[in-house]
Amino acid sequence: MDWFSESFELARQWLFETLVQPLVFGIGLGNLLEDAYDATGWLLVGLLQIAVMLLLIRTLERWRPVEPLSDRAAVRVDMLYTLIHRLGLFRLAMFFSLDLVLDGASGQMRLLGLPTWQLDALLGLAELPWASFLLYLLVFDLVNYWLHRAQHQFGWWWALHALHHSQRQMTMWSDNRNHLLDDVLRAAVFALLARFIGVEPGQFVALVALSQLMESLQHANVRLWFGPLLERVLVSPRFHRLHHAIGIGHESGGRGTLGGHNFAVLFPVWDMLFGTANFELRFDATGVRDQLPAEGGRDYGRGFWAQQWLGLRRLVGR
């Protein structure tokens, strides 16, 4: 853990001094150098994630694809979403909007004497870095499970989240294909959660980075599962693809009823505990039922801005 942290800090310092600091001074924001240094961490993590995706996950997709790439334009739009999120542009927008609100809320909580937890300390794990990290990973994943179920349960939230499911050509780039308003809502929840249970900034970056990288693998166009035992320990591409399957993964009960299966982000145990797991060994076509010509052929947009605009129209019922 110490070696990894020191190596990361050395790389961040180099990237900051070489690229970020001159840019910050060049645009006249020298008063934000400390925040820019923090942002450099997110940028470095994103670059490392993209390197792993290209070197490892893309290799898996070429090795054993579920389906051939027939719509490369759709994949290129997903690549844009990934770059926006992984290279820090979304985080930058959050800094100038959501973070200011959260800082104000935290200040008010302190003034009112409201406590925040240091969850790892309460459980005696503060001096055990890996145990502390695993604890927070489990907490974040449990909250993520219920947020994901809410996205499929409430019609207004599904109107936004449906964009993520509308990708018929799912690849490792599809994880960040989300409506920006949907991302803001989720980012707010996890930022508040991190502050409330005492997650350190470095831990928070690592938690988000690991989750994102695993989600890139889960969305990959690869015919891969982890076997009958490990499949119940860690979410595989097969397990998550079933969540994206037309008429299966995001429907429950009657035809078109919101709900579905396999909501877990990292650990299938939550689906197993709460009755939403489906471990069928199958690789179905992905998408939303109402995209099919026989169901009306709903348009979810081809480009980034069209997808964002149509998401807002669905939200207001148009």
Protein backbone atom coordinates (compact mmCIF):
# COMPACT_ATOMS: atom_id res chain seq x y z
CA MET A 1 0.00 0.00 0.00
CA ASP A 2 2.84 2.41 0.90
CA TRP A 3 4.71 1.62 -2.33
CA PHE A 4 1.59 2.19 -4.41
CA SER A 5 0.78 5.48 -2.66
CA GLU A 6 4.34 6.79 -3.04
CA SER A 7 4.49 5.84 -6.72
CA PHE A 8 1.14 7.47 -7.37
CA GLU A 9 2.20 10.68 -5.60
CA LEU A 10 5.44 10.87 -7.58
CA ALA A 11 3.52 10.47 -10.84
CA ARG A 12 0.93 13.06 -9.76
CA GLN A 13 3.64 15.55 -8.80
CA TRP A 14 5.31 15.15 -12.19
CA LEU A 15 2.03 15.51 -14.09
CA PHE A 16 1.05 18.54 -12.03
CA GLU A 17 4.33 20.37 -12.51
CA THR A 18 4.64 19.45 -16.18
CA LEU A 19 1.10 20.00 -17.43
CA VAL A 20 -1.49 21.18 -14.92
CA GLN A 21 0.33 23.95 -13.04
CA PRO A 22 1.43 25.85 -16.17
CA LEU A 23 -2.11 25.54 -17.54
CA VAL A 24 -3.68 26.86 -14.32
CA PHE A 25 -1.35 29.87 -14.26
CA GLY A 26 -1.91 30.40 -17.98
CA ILE A 27 -5.67 30.82 -17.54
CA GLY A 28 -5.31 33.05 -14.48
CA LEU A 29 -6.51 30.62 -11.78
CA GLY A 30 -3.37 30.49 -9.66
CA ASN A 31 -5.53 30.85 -6.53
CA LEU A 32 -6.86 27.33 -7.19
CA LEU A 33 -3.49 25.53 -7.24
CA GLU A 34 -4.35 23.28 -4.28
CA ASP A 35 -7.61 22.22 -5.89
CA ALA A 36 -5.82 21.75 -9.20
CA TYR A 37 -3.37 19.40 -7.49
CA ASP A 38 -6.29 17.32 -6.21
CA ALA A 39 -7.80 17.31 -9.70
CA THR A 40 -4.49 16.04 -11.08
CA GLY A 41 -5.07 12.88 -9.06
CA TRP A 42 -8.37 12.27 -10.86
CA LEU A 43 -6.69 12.94 -14.22
CA LEU A 44 -3.91 10.48 -13.48
CA VAL A 45 -6.36 7.82 -12.33
CA GLY A 46 -8.36 8.32 -15.52
CA LEU A 47 -5.27 7.96 -17.71
CA LEU A 48 -4.34 4.75 -15.89
CA GLN A 49 -7.88 3.41 -16.29
CA ILE A 50 -7.90 4.08 -20.03
CA ALA A 51 -4.49 2.40 -20.36
CA VAL A 52 -5.81 -0.73 -18.61
CA MET A 53 -8.95 -0.67 -20.76
CA LEU A 54 -6.96 -0.49 -23.99
CA LEU A 55 -4.29 -3.00 -23.01
CA LEU A 56 -6.35 -5.62 -21.16
CA ILE A 57 -10.11 -5.25 -21.59
CA ARG A 58 -9.90 -4.47 -25.31
CA THR A 59 -7.75 -7.58 -25.70
CA LEU A 60 -10.51 -9.63 -24.09
CA GLU A 61 -13.08 -8.12 -26.46
CA ARG A 62 -10.99 -9.14 -29.46
CA TRP A 63 -10.35 -12.59 -28.02
CA ARG A 64 -13.95 -13.69 -27.62
CA PRO A 65 -16.58 -11.09 -28.54
CA VAL A 66 -20.26 -11.71 -27.85
CA GLU A 67 -21.16 -10.03 -31.15
CA PRO A 68 -19.33 -8.28 -34.01
CA LEU A 69 -19.11 -4.49 -33.98
CA SER A 70 -21.73 -3.36 -36.49
CA ASP A 71 -22.33 0.19 -35.22
CA ARG A 72 -18.96 1.83 -34.64
CA ALA A 73 -20.53 5.31 -34.59
CA ALA A 74 -22.50 4.36 -31.45
CA VAL A 75 -19.30 3.09 -29.84
CA ARG A 76 -17.50 6.36 -30.64
CA VAL A 77 -20.20 8.30 -28.76
CA ASP A 78 -19.64 6.03 -25.75
CA MET A 79 -15.92 6.76 -26.01
CA LEU A 80 -16.74 10.46 -25.70
CA TYR A 81 -18.73 9.80 -22.51
CA THR A 82 -15.78 7.84 -21.12
CA LEU A 83 -13.27 10.58 -21.87
CA ILE A 84 -15.54 13.22 -20.29
CA HIS A 85 -15.74 11.24 -17.07
CA ARG A 86 -12.35 9.58 -16.83
CA LEU A 87 -10.24 12.62 -17.78
CA GLY A 88 -11.87 14.82 -15.17
CA LEU A 89 -14.18 17.08 -17.18
CA PHE A 90 -17.23 15.91 -15.24
CA ARG A 91 -15.31 16.25 -11.96
CA LEU A 92 -14.34 19.78 -12.97
CA ALA A 93 -17.99 20.68 -13.49
CA MET A 94 -18.82 19.17 -10.09
CA PHE A 95 -16.08 21.24 -8.45
CA PHE A 96 -17.58 24.52 -9.64
CA SER A 97 -21.12 23.51 -8.69
CA LEU A 98 -21.84 20.58 -6.37
CA ASP A 99 -18.66 20.78 -4.27
CA LEU A 100 -19.41 24.37 -3.28
CA VAL A 101 -22.85 23.32 -2.04
CA LEU A 102 -21.42 20.34 -0.15
CA ASP A 103 -18.75 22.47 1.50
CA GLY A 104 -21.44 24.86 2.68
CA ALA A 105 -23.58 22.00 3.97
CA SER A 106 -20.62 20.49 5.85
CA GLY A 107 -19.89 23.85 7.45
CA GLN A 108 -23.49 24.18 8.60
CA MET A 109 -23.41 20.65 10.07
CA ARG A 110 -20.33 21.56 12.12
CA LEU A 111 -21.95 24.77 13.31
CA LEU A 112 -25.02 22.82 14.43
CA GLY A 113 -22.85 20.25 16.20
CA LEU A 114 -24.02 17.39 14.03
CA PRO A 115 -21.51 14.52 14.10
CA THR A 116 -19.94 12.67 11.20
CA TRP A 117 -18.69 9.11 11.59
CA GLN A 118 -15.23 7.69 11.06
CA LEU A 119 -16.66 4.28 10.28
CA ASP A 120 -13.36 2.41 10.04
CA ALA A 121 -12.28 3.84 13.41
CA LEU A 122 -15.57 2.87 15.03
CA LEU A 123 -14.98 -0.73 13.89
CA GLY A 124 -11.29 -0.72 14.87
CA LEU A 125 -10.01 -0.85 11.29
CA ALA A 126 -8.43 2.60 10.94
CA GLU A 127 -4.91 1.18 11.36
CA LEU A 128 -5.52 -1.58 8.80
CA PRO A 129 -5.51 0.16 5.39
CA TRP A 130 -6.71 -2.79 3.30
CA ALA A 131 -9.45 -3.72 5.79
CA SER A 132 -10.57 -0.08 5.95
CA PHE A 133 -10.64 0.13 2.16
CA LEU A 134 -12.66 -3.10 1.87
CA LEU A 135 -15.13 -1.86 4.48
CA TYR A 136 -15.81 1.35 2.57
CA LEU A 137 -15.94 -0.58 -0.71
CA LEU A 138 -18.71 -2.80 0.70
CA VAL A 139 -20.64 0.21 2.04
CA PHE A 140 -20.38 2.05 -1.26
CA ASP A 141 -21.40 -1.05 -3.20
CA LEU A 142 -24.47 -1.65 -1.02
CA VAL A 143 -25.60 1.96 -1.51
CA ASN A 144 -24.85 1.62 -5.23
CA TYR A 145 -27.08 -1.45 -5.40
CA TRP A 146 -30.07 0.38 -3.94
CA LEU A 147 -29.47 3.48 -6.05
CA HIS A 148 -29.39 1.28 -9.13
CA ARG A 149 -32.64 -0.37 -8.14
CA ALA A 150 -34.19 3.07 -7.64
CA GLN A 151 -33.13 4.03 -11.16
CA HIS A 152 -35.20 1.09 -12.39
CA GLN A 153 -38.10 1.58 -9.99
CA PHE A 154 -39.09 5.23 -10.32
CA GLY A 155 -40.42 6.32 -13.70
CA TRP A 156 -38.78 9.75 -13.64
CA TRP A 157 -35.37 8.27 -12.83
CA TRP A 158 -35.75 5.52 -15.42
CA ALA A 159 -36.46 8.25 -17.99
CA LEU A 160 -32.85 9.36 -17.46
CA HIS A 161 -31.24 5.97 -16.81
CA ALA A 162 -32.84 4.43 -19.91
CA LEU A 163 -30.17 6.19 -21.97
CA HIS A 164 -27.57 3.88 -20.40
CA HIS A 165 -29.62 0.83 -21.39
CA SER A 166 -30.38 2.02 -24.91
CA GLN A 167 -26.94 0.99 -26.21
CA ARG A 168 -27.50 -1.92 -28.61
CA GLN A 169 -23.74 -2.25 -29.21
CA MET A 170 -22.40 -2.63 -25.70
CA THR A 171 -18.62 -2.41 -25.19
CA MET A 172 -16.12 -1.52 -22.49
CA TRP A 173 -16.83 2.15 -23.29
CA SER A 174 -20.53 1.89 -22.35
CA ASP A 175 -20.22 2.28 -18.57
CA ASN A 176 -20.23 6.11 -18.65
CA ARG A 177 -23.04 6.38 -21.22
CA ASN A 178 -25.38 8.19 -18.83
CA HIS A 179 -27.51 11.27 -18.78
CA LEU A 180 -25.50 14.04 -17.11
CA LEU A 181 -28.36 14.83 -14.71
CA ASP A 182 -28.40 11.17 -13.69
CA ASP A 183 -24.65 11.37 -13.01
CA VAL A 184 -25.07 14.54 -10.93
CA LEU A 185 -27.67 12.85 -8.71
CA ARG A 186 -25.44 9.83 -8.11
CA ALA A 187 -22.33 11.96 -7.58
CA ALA A 188 -24.17 13.99 -4.93
CA VAL A 189 -25.21 10.86 -3.03
CA PHE A 190 -21.71 9.40 -2.93
CA ALA A 191 -20.03 12.71 -2.08
CA LEU A 192 -22.39 13.12 0.88
CA LEU A 193 -21.93 9.48 1.90
CA ALA A 194 -18.14 9.80 1.82
CA ARG A 195 -18.23 12.86 4.07
CA PHE A 196 -20.76 11.33 6.45
CA ILE A 197 -18.87 8.06 7.11
CA GLY A 198 -15.39 9.59 7.08
CA VAL A 199 -13.86 8.37 3.82
CA GLU A 200 -10.49 10.06 3.27
CA PRO A 201 -10.02 11.88 -0.07
CA GLY A 202 -7.39 9.41 -1.24
CA GLN A 203 -9.60 6.47 -0.33
CA PHE A 204 -12.52 8.07 -2.16
CA VAL A 205 -10.49 8.38 -5.37
CA ALA A 206 -9.38 4.74 -5.08
CA LEU A 207 -12.93 3.52 -4.38
CA VAL A 208 -14.34 5.32 -7.41
CA ALA A 209 -11.43 4.28 -9.64
CA LEU A 210 -11.68 0.58 -8.80
CA SER A 211 -15.46 0.57 -9.24
CA GLN A 212 -15.23 2.33 -12.61
CA LEU A 213 -12.59 -0.04 -13.93
CA MET A 214 -14.61 -3.08 -12.90
CA GLU A 215 -17.71 -1.57 -14.53
CA SER A 216 -15.77 -1.09 -17.77
CA LEU A 217 -14.98 -4.83 -17.72
CA GLN A 218 -18.61 -5.70 -16.93
CA HIS A 219 -19.86 -3.79 -19.98
CA ALA A 220 -17.23 -5.28 -22.29
CA ASN A 221 -18.26 -7.10 -25.44
CA VAL A 222 -16.71 -10.35 -24.24
CA ARG A 223 -18.20 -13.81 -23.80
CA LEU A 224 -16.85 -14.26 -20.28
CA TRP A 225 -18.13 -15.56 -16.98
CA PHE A 226 -16.24 -16.41 -13.78
CA GLY A 227 -17.46 -19.95 -13.15
CA PRO A 228 -20.16 -21.26 -10.78
CA LEU A 229 -18.36 -20.14 -7.60
CA LEU A 230 -16.56 -16.87 -8.44
CA GLU A 231 -19.62 -15.73 -10.41
CA ARG A 232 -21.33 -15.36 -7.03
CA VAL A 233 -18.44 -13.36 -5.58
CA LEU A 234 -17.74 -10.77 -8.28
CA VAL A 235 -19.96 -9.31 -11.02
CA SER A 236 -18.89 -10.70 -14.39
CA PRO A 237 -19.55 -9.42 -17.93
CA ARG A 238 -22.11 -12.21 -18.34
CA PHE A 239 -23.92 -11.33 -15.10
CA HIS A 240 -24.14 -7.65 -16.00
CA ARG A 241 -25.00 -8.22 -19.68
CA LEU A 242 -28.12 -10.05 -18.54
CA HIS A 243 -29.07 -6.85 -16.70
CA HIS A 244 -28.90 -5.06 -20.08
CA ALA A 245 -30.81 -7.75 -22.00
CA ILE A 246 -33.91 -6.60 -23.87
CA GLY A 247 -37.07 -7.60 -22.03
CA ILE A 248 -35.18 -9.38 -19.24
CA GLY A 249 -32.66 -7.31 -17.33
CA HIS A 250 -34.73 -4.19 -16.66
CA GLU A 251 -38.24 -5.60 -16.57
CA SER A 252 -40.12 -7.44 -13.82
CA GLY A 253 -43.46 -9.15 -13.77
CA GLY A 254 -45.64 -7.91 -16.61
CA ARG A 255 -44.40 -6.80 -20.01
CA GLY A 256 -42.53 -3.51 -19.74
CA THR A 257 -42.91 -3.25 -15.95
CA LEU A 258 -40.01 -1.45 -14.32
CA GLY A 259 -37.68 -3.55 -12.18
CA GLY A 260 -35.32 -6.26 -13.35
CA HIS A 261 -32.34 -8.31 -12.26
CA ASN A 262 -28.62 -8.10 -11.46
CA PHE A 263 -28.33 -4.58 -10.05
CA ALA A 264 -25.08 -5.18 -8.15
CA VAL A 265 -22.10 -3.13 -9.24
CA LEU A 266 -19.27 -5.20 -7.76
CA PHE A 267 -20.60 -7.94 -5.50
CA PRO A 268 -23.55 -10.17 -6.55
CA VAL A 269 -24.21 -10.93 -2.88
CA TRP A 270 -26.62 -7.97 -2.76
CA ASP A 271 -28.73 -9.43 -5.58
CA MET A 272 -28.63 -12.79 -3.84
CA LEU A 273 -29.68 -11.32 -0.49
CA PHE A 274 -32.50 -9.20 -1.90
CA GLY A 275 -33.87 -11.65 -4.47
CA THR A 276 -32.83 -10.00 -7.73
CA ALA A 277 -30.05 -12.34 -8.89
CA ASN A 278 -30.22 -14.17 -12.23
CA PHE A 279 -27.31 -16.53 -12.90
CA GLU A 280 -28.50 -17.97 -16.21
CA LEU A 281 -25.55 -18.66 -18.49
CA ARG A 282 -26.68 -16.70 -21.55
CA PHE A 283 -25.58 -13.71 -23.62
CA ASP A 284 -28.59 -11.82 -24.98
CA ALA A 285 -28.97 -8.79 -27.22
CA THR A 286 -28.93 -5.53 -25.27
CA GLY A 287 -31.20 -2.48 -25.37
CA VAL A 288 -34.65 -1.31 -24.27
CA ARG A 289 -37.82 -3.01 -25.46
CA ASP A 290 -39.41 0.17 -26.83
CA GLN A 291 -36.47 0.61 -29.23
CA LEU A 292 -37.65 -2.39 -31.25
CA PRO A 293 -39.67 -1.57 -34.41
CA ALA A 294 -42.51 -3.80 -33.24
CA GLU A 295 -42.69 -1.81 -29.97
CA GLY A 296 -42.71 1.64 -31.53
CA GLY A 297 -39.03 2.13 -32.34
CA ARG A 298 -38.36 4.86 -29.78
CA ASP A 299 -35.46 7.16 -30.60
CA TYR A 300 -32.84 7.57 -27.86
CA GLY A 301 -30.53 9.70 -29.98
CA ARG A 302 -27.42 8.99 -32.02
CA GLY A 303 -25.13 11.76 -30.78
CA PHE A 304 -24.19 13.05 -27.35
CA TRP A 305 -26.34 16.18 -27.36
CA ALA A 306 -29.32 14.43 -28.94
CA GLN A 307 -29.18 11.78 -26.21
CA GLN A 308 -29.03 14.41 -23.48
CA TRP A 309 -31.94 16.38 -24.97
CA LEU A 310 -34.16 13.34 -25.48
CA GLY A 311 -33.47 12.29 -21.89
CA LEU A 312 -34.83 15.59 -20.65
CA ARG A 313 -37.89 15.20 -22.88
CA ARG A 314 -38.56 11.73 -21.45
CA LEU A 315 -38.19 13.21 -17.96
CA VAL A 316 -41.02 15.70 -18.57
CA GLY A 317 -43.15 13.07 -20.26
CA ARG A 318 -42.78 14.13 -23.89
